[in-house]
Amino acid sequence: MPAVSELRMGRLLAPTLIAALVVATGVLLAIGGYDVGRAAEALVNGSVGSWYAIGSATLVRATPLILTGLAVALAFRAGVFNIGAEGQFLVGAAAAAAIALTLPKTPSLILILLALVVGAIAGAVWAWIAAVLRSRFHVLEVISTIMLNFVAAFLVSYLVRGPLQEPTHVYPQTESIVAAAQLPRFGPTTRLHLGFVLALLACAVAWWAVRYTAAGFRLRVVGANPSAARSAGKIDVDRVTTRVFLLSGALSGLAGAIEVCGVTYALYENISPGYGYTAIAVALLARLDPAAVIATGILFGALEAGAGAMQRDANVPSVVVSVIEAGIILALVAADRARAMRTRSAVA
C-alpha cells in the first residue's frame, strides 16, 4: 500500500507543481496591478475563442512546435540531448527560402517538395556537425548544439543582409517566395496550411516506428541503457545515436522549411520566436511520446497564440507565457528527479 501511495503521489507531483505555478503567476499579476480575469479571458479568446483563433493562430503556431517537439522527443528518447532544434530550424528555413528564390519557375508541386526536402537535409547536416563532435571528439552535444544555435542565427542574419536580401536592400529579409512555393491553405478564411497535416503524419509514423520496428527498439534500448545495449544487445550505439541525431535535425529543418513555405513566405531575422527552445518543454510534457507531442504542441501553440492577445487586449506582457513555459520545464524536471529518488530508495 505505501508503494502504491508513493507511486500515485509521484504521478500527481508534476500536475500539482504546474497548477501551483499557474496560481502563483495569477497572484503576481494581481500584485502588479493587472486585471487577472481580463488577462485570462484574452488568453482564452486569443487561442480557442473562435474558429479563426484556433485555425489561424493556435494550430499555425502549433505546427513548428509539434515538429521540433518530436525532434527533441526522439533525440532525448535515445539519450541524445539535442538542444539545437532552434539552429536546425533556422538553417532549414534558410535552405527552403534559398531554393524557392533560386528556382521560381519550377512547377509548384516539385518546388514545394524540393524546398521541404532541402530544408530537412539542411537541418540534418547541421545536426551532423554536433553528432561528429560527439562521436569522434566526445564533445557534449548540449554544448555543441547550443553553440550551433548562435551560429545559425548569425548565418541567417548574414543571408538576409547579404546575398539573399530583398532587392531594395532596405529591410533585413528576403523577397517573398513565389506562390508556387507556398503550401496550400485549408480555405480562404484561414491561415492553417498543409504543414499541420505533415506534422501530424510525422508524429504518427514516429510513434509507430518507435513501438513496432527494430530501429525503434534499438532507439529505446540505447536510451534506457547504452552500456547494456552495447554489451548484451550487440547494438552499435554510436551508429544509433548518430542516426537519431540526423533524424532529429531533419525534423527541425523541415519545421523551418514549413514555416517559410506556409506562414512567413520570406526569410528574415528572428523568424523563430524560440520554437526550438519551447520544443524542449513540448517534448518533456509529452513524456517523450511522439503521439502525445501532438497534444502538448497544440497546448503550447495555444499559449503562444493567447500571449499576443493577452498583451494586446489586457496590456499584460506576453513574456508572462514564457515564464509559465519555463516553469513547466522546471516542474517536470523536479518531478522526474523526485520520482527517481523514490525509486532508488524503494530498491534500497
Protein backbone atom coordinates (compact mmCIF):
# COMPACT_ATOMS: atom_id res chain seq x y z
CA MET A 1 0.00 0.00 0.00
CA PRO A 2 2.73 2.57 0.81
CA ALA A 3 4.39 1.81 -2.53
CA VAL A 4 1.12 2.37 -4.39
CA SER A 5 0.53 5.59 -2.45
CA GLU A 6 4.00 6.86 -3.30
CA LEU A 7 3.50 5.99 -6.97
CA ARG A 8 0.28 7.98 -7.06
CA MET A 9 1.99 10.89 -5.35
CA GLY A 10 4.76 10.76 -7.97
CA ARG A 11 2.26 10.87 -10.79
CA LEU A 12 0.44 13.84 -9.21
CA LEU A 13 3.59 15.81 -8.44
CA ALA A 14 4.07 17.38 -11.89
CA PRO A 15 0.41 18.44 -12.34
CA THR A 16 0.43 19.84 -8.81
CA LEU A 17 3.56 21.86 -9.43
CA ILE A 18 2.19 23.19 -12.74
CA ALA A 19 -1.12 24.16 -11.10
CA ALA A 20 0.79 25.91 -8.32
CA LEU A 21 2.83 27.75 -10.97
CA VAL A 22 -0.33 28.99 -12.72
CA VAL A 23 -1.81 30.17 -9.41
CA ALA A 24 1.43 31.91 -8.44
CA THR A 25 1.54 33.65 -11.83
CA GLY A 26 -2.00 34.91 -11.30
CA VAL A 27 -1.09 36.21 -7.84
CA LEU A 28 1.97 38.01 -9.21
CA LEU A 29 -0.13 39.61 -11.96
CA ALA A 30 -2.63 40.80 -9.37
CA ILE A 31 0.17 42.24 -7.22
CA GLY A 32 1.49 44.02 -10.31
CA GLY A 33 -1.85 45.73 -10.80
CA TYR A 34 -3.02 43.72 -13.81
CA ASP A 35 -6.59 42.53 -14.24
CA VAL A 36 -6.18 38.76 -13.91
CA GLY A 37 -9.69 37.97 -15.13
CA ARG A 38 -9.30 40.14 -18.20
CA ALA A 39 -5.89 38.60 -18.92
CA ALA A 40 -7.28 35.06 -18.66
CA GLU A 41 -10.21 35.97 -20.91
CA ALA A 42 -7.88 37.44 -23.51
CA LEU A 43 -5.67 34.35 -23.33
CA VAL A 44 -8.63 32.03 -23.94
CA ASN A 45 -10.23 34.17 -26.66
CA GLY A 46 -6.94 34.59 -28.49
CA SER A 47 -6.24 30.86 -28.55
CA VAL A 48 -9.53 28.93 -28.64
CA GLY A 49 -12.22 31.61 -28.55
CA SER A 50 -13.24 31.17 -32.19
CA TRP A 51 -12.51 29.01 -35.20
CA TYR A 52 -10.30 31.75 -36.59
CA ALA A 53 -8.31 31.81 -33.34
CA ILE A 54 -7.95 28.02 -33.40
CA GLY A 55 -7.19 27.60 -37.09
CA SER A 56 -5.27 30.76 -37.85
CA ALA A 57 -3.40 31.21 -34.59
CA THR A 58 -3.19 28.19 -32.30
CA LEU A 59 -2.74 25.43 -34.90
CA VAL A 60 -0.44 27.56 -37.05
CA ARG A 61 1.75 28.18 -34.01
CA ALA A 62 1.48 24.53 -33.02
CA THR A 63 2.82 23.19 -36.34
CA PRO A 64 6.51 24.06 -35.83
CA LEU A 65 6.22 23.19 -32.14
CA ILE A 66 4.91 19.71 -32.95
CA LEU A 67 7.74 19.01 -35.40
CA THR A 68 10.53 20.43 -33.26
CA GLY A 69 8.99 18.82 -30.17
CA LEU A 70 9.00 15.48 -31.99
CA ALA A 71 12.64 16.07 -32.96
CA VAL A 72 13.61 16.69 -29.33
CA ALA A 73 11.49 13.79 -28.03
CA LEU A 74 13.12 11.24 -30.35
CA ALA A 75 16.61 12.52 -29.56
CA PHE A 76 16.05 12.52 -25.79
CA ARG A 77 14.44 9.07 -26.01
CA ALA A 78 17.71 7.78 -27.44
CA GLY A 79 19.82 9.56 -24.83
CA VAL A 80 20.90 12.31 -27.24
CA PHE A 81 20.43 15.72 -25.64
CA ASN A 82 19.84 17.73 -28.78
CA ILE A 83 19.32 21.32 -27.61
CA GLY A 84 19.94 22.55 -31.15
CA ALA A 85 16.45 22.34 -32.64
CA GLU A 86 16.42 26.14 -32.85
CA GLY A 87 19.51 26.29 -35.02
CA GLN A 88 18.37 23.37 -37.15
CA PHE A 89 15.02 25.12 -37.62
CA LEU A 90 16.80 28.28 -38.79
CA VAL A 91 19.08 26.59 -41.33
CA GLY A 92 16.11 24.60 -42.65
CA ALA A 93 14.18 27.83 -43.14
CA ALA A 94 17.16 29.45 -44.85
CA ALA A 95 17.68 26.50 -47.20
CA ALA A 96 13.99 26.37 -48.16
CA ALA A 97 13.92 30.11 -48.84
CA ALA A 98 17.07 29.89 -50.96
CA ILE A 99 15.61 27.08 -53.09
CA ALA A 100 12.27 28.86 -53.54
CA LEU A 101 14.00 32.08 -54.57
CA THR A 102 16.52 30.37 -56.85
CA LEU A 103 14.03 28.21 -58.78
CA PRO A 104 10.90 30.37 -59.03
CA LYS A 105 9.75 28.90 -62.38
CA THR A 106 9.72 25.28 -61.20
CA PRO A 107 6.27 23.62 -61.16
CA SER A 108 4.50 24.12 -57.83
CA LEU A 109 4.43 20.52 -56.56
CA ILE A 110 8.08 19.93 -57.40
CA LEU A 111 9.16 23.27 -55.93
CA ILE A 112 7.30 22.68 -52.65
CA LEU A 113 8.70 19.15 -52.31
CA LEU A 114 12.18 20.37 -53.16
CA ALA A 115 12.02 23.20 -50.62
CA LEU A 116 10.81 20.90 -47.84
CA VAL A 117 13.34 18.16 -48.61
CA VAL A 118 16.25 20.59 -48.85
CA GLY A 119 15.16 22.21 -45.60
CA ALA A 120 15.12 18.82 -43.87
CA ILE A 121 18.54 17.95 -45.31
CA ALA A 122 19.96 21.27 -44.10
CA GLY A 123 18.70 20.58 -40.59
CA ALA A 124 20.20 17.08 -40.68
CA VAL A 125 23.56 18.43 -41.84
CA TRP A 126 23.54 20.99 -39.03
CA ALA A 127 22.84 18.21 -36.51
CA TRP A 128 25.54 16.05 -38.14
CA ILE A 129 28.18 18.57 -37.06
CA ALA A 130 27.28 18.04 -33.41
CA ALA A 131 26.97 14.28 -33.98
CA VAL A 132 30.53 14.10 -35.30
CA LEU A 133 31.82 16.19 -32.41
CA ARG A 134 30.09 13.79 -30.02
CA SER A 135 31.18 10.51 -31.59
CA ARG A 136 34.76 11.37 -32.58
CA PHE A 137 35.85 14.02 -30.10
CA HIS A 138 33.49 13.30 -27.17
CA VAL A 139 32.17 16.85 -27.12
CA LEU A 140 28.95 17.07 -25.12
CA GLU A 141 26.08 17.65 -27.54
CA VAL A 142 24.43 20.01 -25.06
CA ILE A 143 27.30 22.44 -25.53
CA SER A 144 27.86 21.97 -29.26
CA THR A 145 24.18 22.25 -30.20
CA ILE A 146 23.68 25.40 -28.11
CA MET A 147 26.70 27.00 -29.77
CA LEU A 148 25.46 25.97 -33.20
CA ASN A 149 22.17 27.75 -32.45
CA PHE A 150 24.03 31.03 -32.28
CA VAL A 151 25.99 30.25 -35.43
CA ALA A 152 22.74 29.53 -37.27
CA ALA A 153 21.19 32.79 -36.07
CA PHE A 154 24.20 34.76 -37.31
CA LEU A 155 24.13 32.84 -40.59
CA VAL A 156 20.51 33.88 -41.17
CA SER A 157 21.43 37.48 -40.33
CA TYR A 158 24.23 37.37 -42.89
CA LEU A 159 21.99 35.91 -45.58
CA VAL A 160 19.14 38.40 -45.14
CA ARG A 161 21.58 41.32 -45.05
CA GLY A 162 23.74 39.99 -47.86
CA PRO A 163 23.23 37.50 -50.71
CA LEU A 164 19.52 36.88 -50.09
CA GLN A 165 18.43 40.38 -49.12
CA GLU A 166 15.38 41.81 -50.88
CA PRO A 167 16.15 43.94 -53.98
CA THR A 168 15.75 47.38 -52.34
CA HIS A 169 18.27 46.47 -49.60
CA VAL A 170 16.17 48.34 -47.05
CA TYR A 171 14.82 45.51 -44.92
CA PRO A 172 16.82 42.63 -43.38
CA GLN A 173 14.83 39.94 -45.15
CA THR A 174 14.46 38.17 -48.46
CA GLU A 175 11.84 38.99 -51.03
CA SER A 176 8.64 36.96 -50.85
CA ILE A 177 8.77 33.50 -52.35
CA VAL A 178 6.63 32.81 -55.40
CA ALA A 179 3.09 31.47 -54.98
CA ALA A 180 4.18 28.14 -56.48
CA ALA A 181 6.39 27.53 -53.42
CA GLN A 182 3.66 28.29 -50.87
CA LEU A 183 1.90 25.46 -49.06
CA PRO A 184 -1.85 25.16 -49.75
CA ARG A 185 -4.21 26.54 -47.12
CA PHE A 186 -7.41 24.95 -45.91
CA GLY A 187 -9.70 27.64 -47.25
CA PRO A 188 -9.55 31.36 -47.96
CA THR A 189 -10.56 32.42 -44.43
CA THR A 190 -7.86 30.54 -42.51
CA ARG A 191 -4.08 30.61 -42.26
CA LEU A 192 -3.95 26.89 -41.47
CA HIS A 193 -1.87 25.13 -44.10
CA LEU A 194 -0.81 21.68 -45.25
CA GLY A 195 2.19 21.75 -42.93
CA PHE A 196 -0.06 20.95 -39.97
CA VAL A 197 -1.12 17.67 -41.61
CA LEU A 198 2.53 16.85 -42.32
CA ALA A 199 3.35 17.42 -38.65
CA LEU A 200 0.56 15.05 -37.59
CA LEU A 201 1.74 12.40 -40.05
CA ALA A 202 5.31 12.69 -38.81
CA CYS A 203 4.17 12.08 -35.22
CA ALA A 204 2.03 9.11 -36.26
CA VAL A 205 4.86 7.50 -38.22
CA ALA A 206 7.36 8.13 -35.42
CA TRP A 207 5.01 6.64 -32.81
CA TRP A 208 4.53 3.50 -34.90
CA ALA A 209 8.24 3.19 -35.66
CA VAL A 210 9.32 3.58 -32.03
CA ARG A 211 6.83 0.97 -30.82
CA TYR A 212 6.80 -1.63 -33.58
CA THR A 213 10.06 -1.60 -35.54
CA ALA A 214 13.52 -2.96 -34.85
CA ALA A 215 15.01 0.51 -35.30
CA GLY A 216 12.59 1.86 -32.71
CA PHE A 217 13.51 -0.94 -30.31
CA ARG A 218 17.20 -0.13 -30.70
CA LEU A 219 16.45 3.55 -30.07
CA ARG A 220 14.61 2.74 -26.84
CA VAL A 221 17.26 0.32 -25.63
CA VAL A 222 20.11 2.72 -26.28
CA GLY A 223 18.24 5.48 -24.49
CA ALA A 224 17.50 3.25 -21.50
CA ASN A 225 20.99 1.84 -21.05
CA PRO A 226 23.67 2.32 -23.72
CA SER A 227 26.18 0.08 -21.92
CA ALA A 228 23.75 -2.84 -21.80
CA ALA A 229 22.72 -2.20 -25.40
CA ARG A 230 26.35 -2.37 -26.46
CA SER A 231 27.39 -5.44 -24.45
CA ALA A 232 24.26 -7.59 -24.13
CA GLY A 233 22.29 -6.40 -27.14
CA LYS A 234 25.24 -6.18 -29.55
CA ILE A 235 23.91 -2.81 -30.74
CA ASP A 236 26.16 -0.24 -32.40
CA VAL A 237 25.33 2.59 -30.02
CA ASP A 238 27.29 5.25 -31.91
CA ARG A 239 25.51 4.42 -35.15
CA VAL A 240 22.08 4.53 -33.49
CA THR A 241 22.71 7.84 -31.75
CA THR A 242 24.13 9.40 -34.91
CA ARG A 243 21.11 8.34 -36.95
CA VAL A 244 18.73 9.67 -34.31
CA PHE A 245 20.70 12.91 -34.25
CA LEU A 246 20.33 13.26 -38.02
CA LEU A 247 16.60 12.42 -37.89
CA SER A 248 16.08 14.96 -35.13
CA GLY A 249 17.86 17.63 -37.15
CA ALA A 250 15.88 16.74 -40.28
CA LEU A 251 12.56 17.17 -38.44
CA SER A 252 13.62 20.54 -37.08
CA GLY A 253 14.85 21.64 -40.51
CA LEU A 254 11.54 20.50 -42.01
CA ALA A 255 9.75 22.66 -39.44
CA GLY A 256 11.76 25.68 -40.60
CA ALA A 257 11.01 24.96 -44.24
CA ILE A 258 7.29 24.63 -43.49
CA GLU A 259 7.34 27.94 -41.63
CA VAL A 260 8.77 29.70 -44.69
CA CYS A 261 6.55 27.96 -47.22
CA GLY A 262 3.39 28.02 -45.13
CA VAL A 263 3.44 31.13 -42.93
CA THR A 264 6.05 33.84 -43.48
CA TYR A 265 6.72 33.36 -47.23
CA ALA A 266 10.10 35.00 -46.65
CA LEU A 267 13.23 34.58 -44.54
CA TYR A 268 14.05 37.27 -42.03
CA GLU A 269 15.86 37.80 -38.78
CA ASN A 270 14.09 36.39 -35.73
CA ILE A 271 11.87 34.23 -37.91
CA SER A 272 11.65 31.88 -34.93
CA PRO A 273 10.31 33.24 -31.63
CA GLY A 274 12.14 30.41 -29.91
CA TYR A 275 10.36 27.37 -31.33
CA GLY A 276 13.42 25.18 -30.84
CA TYR A 277 13.66 26.03 -27.15
CA THR A 278 9.93 25.72 -26.47
CA ALA A 279 10.18 22.32 -28.16
CA ILE A 280 12.06 21.05 -25.10
CA ALA A 281 9.03 21.79 -22.93
CA VAL A 282 6.74 20.24 -25.54
CA ALA A 283 8.78 17.02 -25.54
CA LEU A 284 9.15 16.80 -21.77
CA LEU A 285 5.46 17.44 -21.10
CA ALA A 286 4.67 14.66 -23.61
CA ARG A 287 6.99 12.33 -21.67
CA LEU A 288 8.93 11.87 -24.91
CA ASP A 289 5.95 10.11 -26.51
CA PRO A 290 5.61 11.01 -30.23
CA ALA A 291 1.81 10.70 -30.11
CA ALA A 292 1.49 12.90 -27.01
CA VAL A 293 3.66 15.55 -28.69
CA ILE A 294 0.62 16.45 -30.81
CA ALA A 295 -1.40 17.40 -27.72
CA THR A 296 1.41 19.24 -25.95
CA GLY A 297 2.39 21.05 -29.16
CA ILE A 298 -1.17 22.30 -29.56
CA LEU A 299 -1.22 23.31 -25.88
CA PHE A 300 1.91 25.41 -26.24
CA GLY A 301 0.65 26.73 -29.56
CA ALA A 302 -2.45 27.94 -27.72
CA LEU A 303 -0.28 29.58 -25.06
CA GLU A 304 1.81 31.32 -27.72
CA ALA A 305 -1.29 32.47 -29.62
CA GLY A 306 -3.01 33.65 -26.45
CA ALA A 307 0.05 35.55 -25.30
CA GLY A 308 -0.26 38.04 -28.14
CA ALA A 309 -3.97 38.56 -27.45
CA MET A 310 -3.26 38.97 -23.75
CA GLN A 311 -0.74 41.70 -24.43
CA ARG A 312 -2.97 43.39 -27.00
CA ASP A 313 -6.29 43.23 -25.14
CA ALA A 314 -5.29 43.21 -21.48
CA ASN A 315 -1.94 45.06 -21.56
CA VAL A 316 -0.24 42.10 -19.91
CA PRO A 317 3.31 41.45 -21.20
CA SER A 318 3.43 38.37 -23.38
CA VAL A 319 6.63 37.27 -21.61
CA VAL A 320 4.35 36.01 -18.82
CA VAL A 321 3.65 33.00 -21.02
CA SER A 322 7.38 32.42 -21.41
CA VAL A 323 7.67 32.39 -17.63
CA ILE A 324 4.90 29.79 -17.45
CA GLU A 325 6.61 27.65 -20.10
CA ALA A 326 9.93 27.82 -18.25
CA GLY A 327 8.17 26.96 -15.01
CA ILE A 328 6.58 23.92 -16.64
CA ILE A 329 10.03 22.65 -17.64
CA LEU A 330 11.35 23.13 -14.09
CA ALA A 331 8.28 21.43 -12.63
CA LEU A 332 8.71 18.41 -14.90
CA VAL A 333 12.43 18.14 -14.13
CA ALA A 334 11.72 18.39 -10.39
CA ALA A 335 9.00 15.74 -10.64
CA ASP A 336 11.27 13.35 -12.57
CA ARG A 337 14.06 13.89 -10.07
CA ALA A 338 11.76 13.21 -7.13
CA ARG A 339 10.39 10.09 -8.83
CA ALA A 340 13.91 8.78 -9.48
CA MET A 341 14.91 9.37 -5.85
CA ARG A 342 11.82 7.48 -4.64
CA THR A 343 12.62 4.59 -6.95
CA ARG A 344 16.20 4.33 -5.69
CA SER A 345 15.08 4.50 -2.06
CA ALA A 346 12.43 1.81 -2.67
CA VAL A 347 15.01 -0.52 -4.26
CA ALA A 348 17.47 0.08 -1.45
